[in-house]
Amino acid sequence: MIPAFTRPAGERLGSLVALLSVLLAGGCLHRHRAPPPLSRRKPVATPPASAPSIVQGEMGLASWYGHPYHGRPTANGEIYNMYALTAAHRTLPFGTQVRVHDLDNGRDVVVRINDRGPFVEGRIIDLSYAAAKALEMVGPGLATVSLEILNPEVVSGPNAVPGIYAVQIGAFRNRDNAERLQARAAAQFSFVMIQSFDRGDGMYHRVRVGRESSIEAAQALAARLRAAGLAAETFVVRLN
């Protein structure tokens, strides 16, 4: 073998270039190693299912109710207690926990949905007397509020009960008036019913149309009912 220092300069230069190429190749493989498969990466943390979420853009007026409803059955079958922290909402599932935030005075109260209402345009929740007192709105009667759901799994979780929605087109103390509206609606639409309830100062009869599987479908039905001249004011309400 010819010692390296006795080799021709061109041959020594070729050996150095070859050695340098090997070292660079090894370094490149280390720096640009392919990333591990996605299944082996650490999963990104997600918020727990119980994390609060805001009802989609729901801001509006809160009202409250006490007598003559106190002691009468609510929509979910409970007996209404005006001194408990409960509320009525048209579409949230029964059992939904809602934080009601008064946008005027900054006060909050947490209520449980156990009833349906309010059936007045612009109002989004009907509070018990105790909840209204906590917001200091008993005197004024109304308050501008925002709603926050505290147990969203009841609304949209994997075990949430699918909603069934109808459109209320009228409420009457005289049942004959309710039956006349029912007959007019039944000539054009399916699933027209009268639901009667004792408010404490007499019987009321609500005319409701449809059995829709989503709020969006019920809203579309409400638009058709108004276009048909069956109601100037409609309310989408969850039946279950």
Foldseek 3Di string as FASTA:
>chain_A
DDDPVPDDPVVNVVVVVVVVVVVVVVVVCVVCPPDDDPVPDDDDDDDDQQAKDFDVPDKFKEFEDDPPQQQFAALQGDGDHLQAWAKAFFAADFQWWKWKAFPPPGFIDIHTYDHHDDQDPGHGMYTRNNRCVSVVCPVVRMTIITMMTRNCCCVDNPPHDFWWKKKWADKALDVVVLVVLQVVVVVPAPDWDWDWGQSNVGIMIIIIGGTDRDPVVNVVVVVVCVVVVSHPGMDMGTND
